[in-house]
Protein backbone atom coordinates (compact mmCIF):
# COMPACT_ATOMS: atom_id res chain seq x y z
CA MET A 1 3.79 18.99 45.47
CA SER A 2 7.12 17.43 44.55
CA ARG A 3 8.23 17.21 40.94
CA SER A 4 8.06 13.70 39.42
CA SER A 5 11.35 12.07 38.48
CA PHE A 6 12.15 11.01 34.93
CA SER A 7 12.00 7.33 35.86
CA ASP A 8 8.56 7.80 37.45
CA ILE A 9 7.23 9.59 34.37
CA PHE A 10 8.64 7.01 31.95
CA HIS A 11 7.34 4.16 34.10
CA SER A 12 3.83 5.63 34.27
CA TYR A 13 3.62 5.95 30.48
CA ARG A 14 4.97 2.45 30.02
CA VAL A 15 2.59 0.80 32.50
CA VAL A 16 -0.47 2.42 30.92
CA PHE A 17 0.65 1.30 27.48
CA GLU A 18 1.48 -2.25 28.63
CA ASN A 19 -2.02 -2.58 30.09
CA PHE A 20 -3.56 -1.38 26.82
CA LEU A 21 -1.33 -3.68 24.78
CA ASN A 22 -2.15 -6.76 26.83
CA SER A 23 -5.88 -6.11 26.78
CA GLN A 24 -7.09 -4.20 23.75
CA THR A 25 -4.21 -4.42 21.26
CA LEU A 26 -3.77 -8.18 21.57
CA SER A 27 -7.54 -8.67 21.53
CA ILE A 28 -7.79 -6.94 18.15
CA LEU A 29 -4.90 -8.98 16.75
CA SER A 30 -6.45 -12.22 18.03
CA GLU A 31 -9.89 -11.51 16.58
CA GLN A 32 -8.52 -10.87 13.09
CA SER A 33 -5.74 -13.47 12.78
CA ALA A 34 -5.26 -17.19 12.27
CA PRO A 35 -4.30 -18.82 15.61
CA GLU A 36 -0.68 -19.61 14.71
CA LEU A 37 -0.20 -16.15 13.21
CA PHE A 38 -1.54 -14.53 16.37
CA GLU A 39 0.70 -16.64 18.61
CA ALA A 40 3.73 -15.64 16.56
CA MET A 41 2.86 -11.93 16.71
CA LYS A 42 2.11 -12.15 20.42
CA TYR A 43 5.41 -13.94 21.11
CA SER A 44 7.39 -10.98 19.79
CA LEU A 45 5.09 -8.20 21.02
CA VAL A 46 5.10 -9.30 24.67
CA ALA A 47 8.77 -10.30 24.78
CA GLY A 48 9.67 -7.10 26.61
CA GLY A 49 11.43 -4.01 25.38
CA LYS A 50 11.52 -0.43 26.58
CA ARG A 51 8.30 0.63 24.77
CA LEU A 52 10.18 3.82 23.93
CA ARG A 53 8.10 4.72 20.88
CA PRO A 54 4.67 4.46 22.57
CA VAL A 55 6.09 6.41 25.51
CA LEU A 56 7.26 9.14 23.12
CA VAL A 57 3.78 9.38 21.59
CA SER A 58 2.24 10.03 25.01
CA ALA A 59 4.96 12.45 26.08
CA ALA A 60 4.66 14.48 22.87
CA PHE A 61 0.89 14.65 23.23
CA GLY A 62 1.14 16.32 26.59
CA GLY A 63 1.73 14.28 29.68
CA SER A 64 0.35 11.38 31.67
CA GLU A 65 -2.70 13.31 32.87
CA ASN A 66 -3.81 13.76 29.24
CA GLU A 67 -3.48 10.09 28.23
CA THR A 68 -6.19 9.10 25.77
CA ARG A 69 -7.24 6.07 23.75
CA ASN A 70 -5.89 7.87 20.68
CA THR A 71 -2.34 8.06 22.03
CA LEU A 72 -2.48 4.38 22.98
CA LEU A 73 -3.73 3.41 19.52
CA LEU A 74 -0.85 5.34 17.97
CA GLY A 75 1.52 3.67 20.42
CA SER A 76 0.15 0.29 19.34
CA SER A 77 0.68 1.24 15.71
CA LEU A 78 4.33 2.10 16.32
CA GLU A 79 4.99 -0.95 18.48
CA CYS A 80 3.61 -3.14 15.67
CA ILE A 81 5.96 -1.45 13.19
CA HIS A 82 8.94 -1.65 15.55
CA THR A 83 8.29 -5.32 16.33
CA TYR A 84 7.86 -6.27 12.68
CA SER A 85 11.13 -4.52 11.86
CA LEU A 86 12.95 -6.51 14.56
CA ILE A 87 11.43 -9.79 13.36
CA HIS A 88 12.58 -9.16 9.80
CA ASP A 89 15.92 -7.73 10.95
CA ASP A 90 16.69 -11.01 12.73
CA LEU A 91 16.03 -13.19 9.67
CA PRO A 92 18.91 -15.18 8.11
CA SER A 93 18.81 -12.94 5.03
CA MET A 94 19.30 -9.85 7.22
CA ASP A 95 21.25 -9.93 10.52
CA ASN A 96 20.76 -13.67 11.12
CA ASP A 97 20.32 -13.40 14.89
CA ASP A 98 19.39 -16.27 17.19
CA PHE A 99 18.33 -14.19 20.21
CA ARG A 100 16.26 -11.08 20.81
CA ARG A 101 15.44 -9.68 24.26
CA GLY A 102 16.96 -12.79 25.83
CA LEU A 103 14.67 -15.18 23.96
CA PRO A 104 15.04 -17.18 20.73
CA THR A 105 14.20 -14.99 17.75
CA LEU A 106 10.83 -15.58 16.14
CA HIS A 107 12.15 -17.55 13.17
CA LYS A 108 14.01 -19.83 15.61
CA LYS A 109 10.95 -20.30 17.84
CA PHE A 110 8.49 -20.88 14.99
CA SER A 111 9.83 -20.91 11.43
CA GLU A 112 11.32 -18.48 8.93
CA ALA A 113 8.10 -18.45 6.89
CA THR A 114 5.98 -17.76 9.98
CA ALA A 115 8.32 -14.95 11.01
CA ILE A 116 8.00 -13.28 7.61
CA LEU A 117 4.20 -13.53 7.71
CA ALA A 118 3.99 -12.30 11.32
CA GLY A 119 6.06 -9.26 10.35
CA ASP A 120 3.84 -8.64 7.33
CA ALA A 121 0.72 -8.82 9.49
CA LEU A 122 2.09 -6.47 12.15
CA ASN A 123 3.01 -3.99 9.44
CA SER A 124 -0.56 -3.89 8.15
CA PHE A 125 -2.06 -3.77 11.67
CA ALA A 126 -0.07 -0.58 12.28
CA PHE A 127 -2.13 1.23 9.67
CA TYR A 128 -5.36 -0.34 10.94
CA PHE A 129 -4.75 1.08 14.42
CA ILE A 130 -4.42 4.55 12.91
CA SER A 131 -7.83 4.09 11.28
CA LEU A 132 -9.31 3.64 14.77
CA VAL A 133 -8.09 7.05 15.98
CA GLN A 134 -11.02 9.39 16.64
CA GLY A 135 -10.48 12.97 15.48
CA GLU A 136 -12.53 16.05 16.23
CA ASN A 137 -15.13 16.97 13.62
CA GLU A 138 -13.26 19.99 12.27
CA ASP A 139 -9.91 18.19 11.95
CA TYR A 140 -10.53 16.91 8.43
CA PHE A 141 -6.92 16.06 7.64
CA LEU A 142 -5.98 14.23 10.86
CA HIS A 143 -5.89 10.70 9.44
CA ARG A 144 -4.16 11.82 6.27
CA ASP A 145 -1.45 13.50 8.34
CA LEU A 146 -1.07 10.54 10.70
CA LEU A 147 -0.71 8.12 7.79
CA GLU A 148 1.83 10.37 6.10
CA ILE A 149 3.90 10.62 9.29
CA LEU A 150 3.86 6.85 9.74
CA HIS A 151 4.72 6.16 6.10
CA THR A 152 7.59 8.65 6.20
CA GLY A 153 8.93 7.04 9.36
CA CYS A 154 8.59 3.35 8.56
CA GLY A 155 8.48 3.08 4.78
CA ALA A 156 10.80 3.83 1.89
CA PRO A 157 11.43 7.45 2.96
CA GLY A 158 12.64 6.24 6.36
CA MET A 159 13.27 2.91 8.06
CA VAL A 160 13.21 0.62 5.02
CA SER A 161 15.74 2.69 3.08
CA GLY A 162 17.82 2.83 6.25
CA GLN A 163 17.85 -0.96 6.37
CA ILE A 164 19.03 -1.12 2.75
CA TYR A 165 21.87 1.27 3.53
CA ASP A 166 22.68 -0.76 6.65
CA LEU A 167 23.12 -3.91 4.57
CA GLN A 168 25.35 -1.98 2.17
CA MET A 169 27.57 -1.02 5.10
CA GLU A 170 28.70 -4.62 5.58
CA ARG A 171 32.18 -5.51 4.34
CA LYS A 172 30.98 -7.79 1.55
CA ASN A 173 28.96 -4.95 0.03
CA THR A 174 31.12 -1.86 0.64
CA LYS A 175 33.55 -2.63 -2.19
CA ASP A 176 30.92 -1.30 -4.60
CA GLN A 177 30.34 1.95 -2.72
CA ASN A 178 33.44 3.83 -3.96
CA PHE A 179 33.78 6.10 -0.94
CA LYS A 180 36.22 8.91 -1.75
CA SER A 181 37.04 9.77 1.86
CA GLU A 182 36.44 8.90 5.50
CA GLN A 183 34.11 11.91 5.65
CA GLU A 184 31.89 10.29 3.01
CA LYS A 185 31.78 7.10 5.06
CA VAL A 186 30.82 9.04 8.19
CA ALA A 187 28.09 10.88 6.25
CA MET A 188 26.74 7.57 4.95
CA VAL A 189 26.70 6.02 8.41
CA GLN A 190 24.88 9.07 9.76
CA LEU A 191 22.29 8.90 6.98
CA THR A 192 21.80 5.19 7.68
CA HIS A 193 21.29 5.85 11.40
CA ARG A 194 18.88 8.74 10.82
CA LEU A 195 16.71 6.60 8.54
CA LYS A 196 16.94 3.13 10.08
CA THR A 197 16.41 4.19 13.69
CA GLY A 198 15.80 7.92 13.83
CA ALA A 199 12.91 8.12 11.38
CA LEU A 200 10.56 5.99 13.50
CA ILE A 201 11.57 7.73 16.73
CA LYS A 202 10.88 11.08 15.06
CA ALA A 203 7.54 9.72 13.82
CA ALA A 204 6.53 8.78 17.37
CA LEU A 205 6.97 12.38 18.52
CA LEU A 206 5.20 13.84 15.49
CA LEU A 207 2.26 11.41 15.80
CA GLY A 208 1.65 12.32 19.43
CA ASN A 209 2.08 16.01 18.68
CA ARG A 210 -0.40 15.87 15.77
CA LEU A 211 -3.21 15.06 18.20
CA ARG A 212 -2.76 18.47 19.86
CA LYS A 213 -4.62 21.61 18.84
CA ASP A 214 -1.35 23.59 18.80
CA TRP A 215 0.61 20.94 16.89
CA LYS A 216 1.90 23.27 14.19
CA LYS A 217 3.97 25.50 16.45
CA ARG A 218 5.69 22.52 18.11
CA GLU A 219 6.31 20.47 14.98
CA GLU A 220 9.68 21.92 13.92
CA PRO A 221 11.56 21.65 17.24
CA LEU A 222 10.04 18.22 17.95
CA SER A 223 11.11 17.05 14.52
CA LYS A 224 14.69 18.15 15.14
CA TYR A 225 14.62 16.61 18.61
CA GLY A 226 13.44 13.30 17.15
CA GLU A 227 16.17 13.25 14.51
CA ASP A 228 18.95 13.82 17.03
CA LEU A 229 17.42 11.43 19.57
CA GLY A 230 17.37 8.69 16.93
CA LEU A 231 21.01 9.35 16.10
CA LEU A 232 21.92 9.24 19.80
CA PHE A 233 20.03 5.96 20.19
CA GLN A 234 21.83 4.30 17.28
CA ILE A 235 25.30 5.51 18.25
CA THR A 236 24.66 4.10 21.72
CA ASP A 237 23.57 0.84 20.06
CA ASP A 238 26.85 0.73 18.14
CA ILE A 239 28.79 1.26 21.36
CA LEU A 240 26.81 -1.45 23.16
CA ASP A 241 27.46 -3.88 20.30
CA VAL A 242 31.16 -3.50 21.12
CA GLU A 243 31.06 -3.22 24.92
CA GLY A 244 27.86 -5.08 25.87
CA THR A 245 27.30 -8.72 26.80
CA GLN A 246 24.62 -11.13 25.64
CA GLU A 247 23.20 -11.13 29.18
CA SER A 248 22.78 -7.35 29.29
CA LEU A 249 21.76 -6.88 25.65
CA GLY A 250 19.48 -9.90 25.29
CA LYS A 251 20.99 -10.50 21.84
CA THR A 252 24.31 -11.50 20.33
CA PRO A 253 26.96 -8.76 20.72
CA GLY A 254 29.83 -8.12 18.32
CA LYS A 255 27.78 -8.74 15.18
CA ASP A 256 28.88 -5.48 13.53
CA GLN A 257 32.55 -6.33 13.91
CA LYS A 258 32.07 -9.90 12.64
CA THR A 259 30.36 -8.71 9.45
CA GLY A 260 32.81 -5.84 9.01
CA LYS A 261 29.97 -3.33 9.06
CA ILE A 262 31.00 0.33 8.85
CA THR A 263 29.86 1.86 12.15
CA TYR A 264 30.79 4.91 14.18
CA PRO A 265 33.10 2.92 16.50
CA ALA A 266 34.79 1.30 13.49
CA LEU A 267 35.32 4.67 11.79
CA LEU A 268 35.99 7.03 14.67
CA GLY A 269 37.00 4.90 17.63
CA MET A 270 35.21 4.53 20.94
CA GLU A 271 36.51 7.74 22.53
CA ARG A 272 35.16 9.96 19.76
CA CYS A 273 31.86 8.08 19.73
CA LYS A 274 31.35 8.72 23.43
CA LYS A 275 32.19 12.37 22.85
CA MET A 276 29.49 12.48 20.17
CA VAL A 277 27.03 11.03 22.67
CA GLU A 278 27.82 13.84 25.11
CA GLU A 279 27.46 16.50 22.41
CA LEU A 280 24.12 15.10 21.24
CA GLN A 281 22.83 15.00 24.81
CA LYS A 282 23.66 18.68 25.31
CA ASN A 283 22.13 19.61 21.96
CA LEU A 284 18.92 17.71 22.71
CA ILE A 285 18.50 19.46 26.04
CA SER A 286 18.88 22.78 24.23
CA ILE A 287 16.38 21.84 21.49
CA SER A 288 13.79 20.77 24.07
CA SER A 289 13.50 24.34 25.33
CA GLY A 290 11.69 25.13 22.08
CA PHE A 291 8.62 23.06 22.93
CA VAL A 292 8.47 22.05 26.61
CA SER A 293 6.10 23.99 28.86
CA THR A 294 5.08 21.90 31.90
CA ASP A 295 7.33 20.58 34.67
CA GLU A 296 6.66 17.03 33.48
CA GLU A 297 7.71 17.87 29.92
CA ILE A 298 10.85 19.65 31.10
CA THR A 299 11.89 16.68 33.24
CA PHE A 300 11.08 14.09 30.60
CA PHE A 301 12.59 15.67 27.50
CA GLN A 302 15.69 17.05 29.21
CA GLU A 303 16.55 13.81 31.00
CA LEU A 304 15.57 11.43 28.19
CA PRO A 305 18.89 11.97 26.32
CA ILE A 306 20.79 11.01 29.48
CA TYR A 307 18.70 7.85 29.83
CA ILE A 308 19.30 6.90 26.19
CA GLY A 309 23.04 7.51 26.42
CA GLN A 310 23.44 5.53 29.64
CA ARG A 311 21.24 2.52 28.82
CA LYS A 312 22.68 -1.00 28.92
CA ASN A 313 20.39 -2.59 26.31
């Protein structure tokens, strides 16, 4: 039997999740929401995207043959968080973007107030989906652990603090930062990346892993893998903001430069950034040896860094 390719594995995870999203996830949102609120949430949820975080949940749990309703519920939770973060990120008070995934941003399509409320609702639905996860009788702390992982990834310890730091990195705010050296700036950018993007990617891996019976022995290497994968993802985002087009990105490029935001390309130059991408890819492949066991896991986790580094959007 031939070994599945990375693209086949990723596609299989994504298709299963898309089917679940379009049937069960949206059904739950519709049943519990005012019609206009549901339409706003649906508009952003089904607008496309890589579905990276739900895919990571399934991959960390243990492969496409072991797909369960629990992994799909956790994937729905993360996609709600990710989508709400994009909705709020696009608001005039944040990045003030007009396009996302090739479509008008939610506040442009509906209204700013509706966008805020849709994001709020998606945030709360994320925790509701975790409440639907069915644990085994003896796993008394499953829901507590899942909630803690999600909070750490998306709340003040993670993504939200990362967004605050990201706003501080813009030119109009950096005058108050009193950086003593370029090294301090680089360290601050890295912290921002690890929290704003990396924390939720890390959470996806830890959530999927927590459903396993042997989760404890895999937690440390998966955690490190998630941190570095998030950093790789955000550095690639910074590069694409400079080199990408609106057609390929589905959003307005060059925003970082226009706002004078301190990014890796701005600090280190494009050549060094691309070298960092290569180094992170090699490091991630090495880290993956600490938790992969099946052929599918080896293919997925060793080729995922290449996919992230070579993506066009």
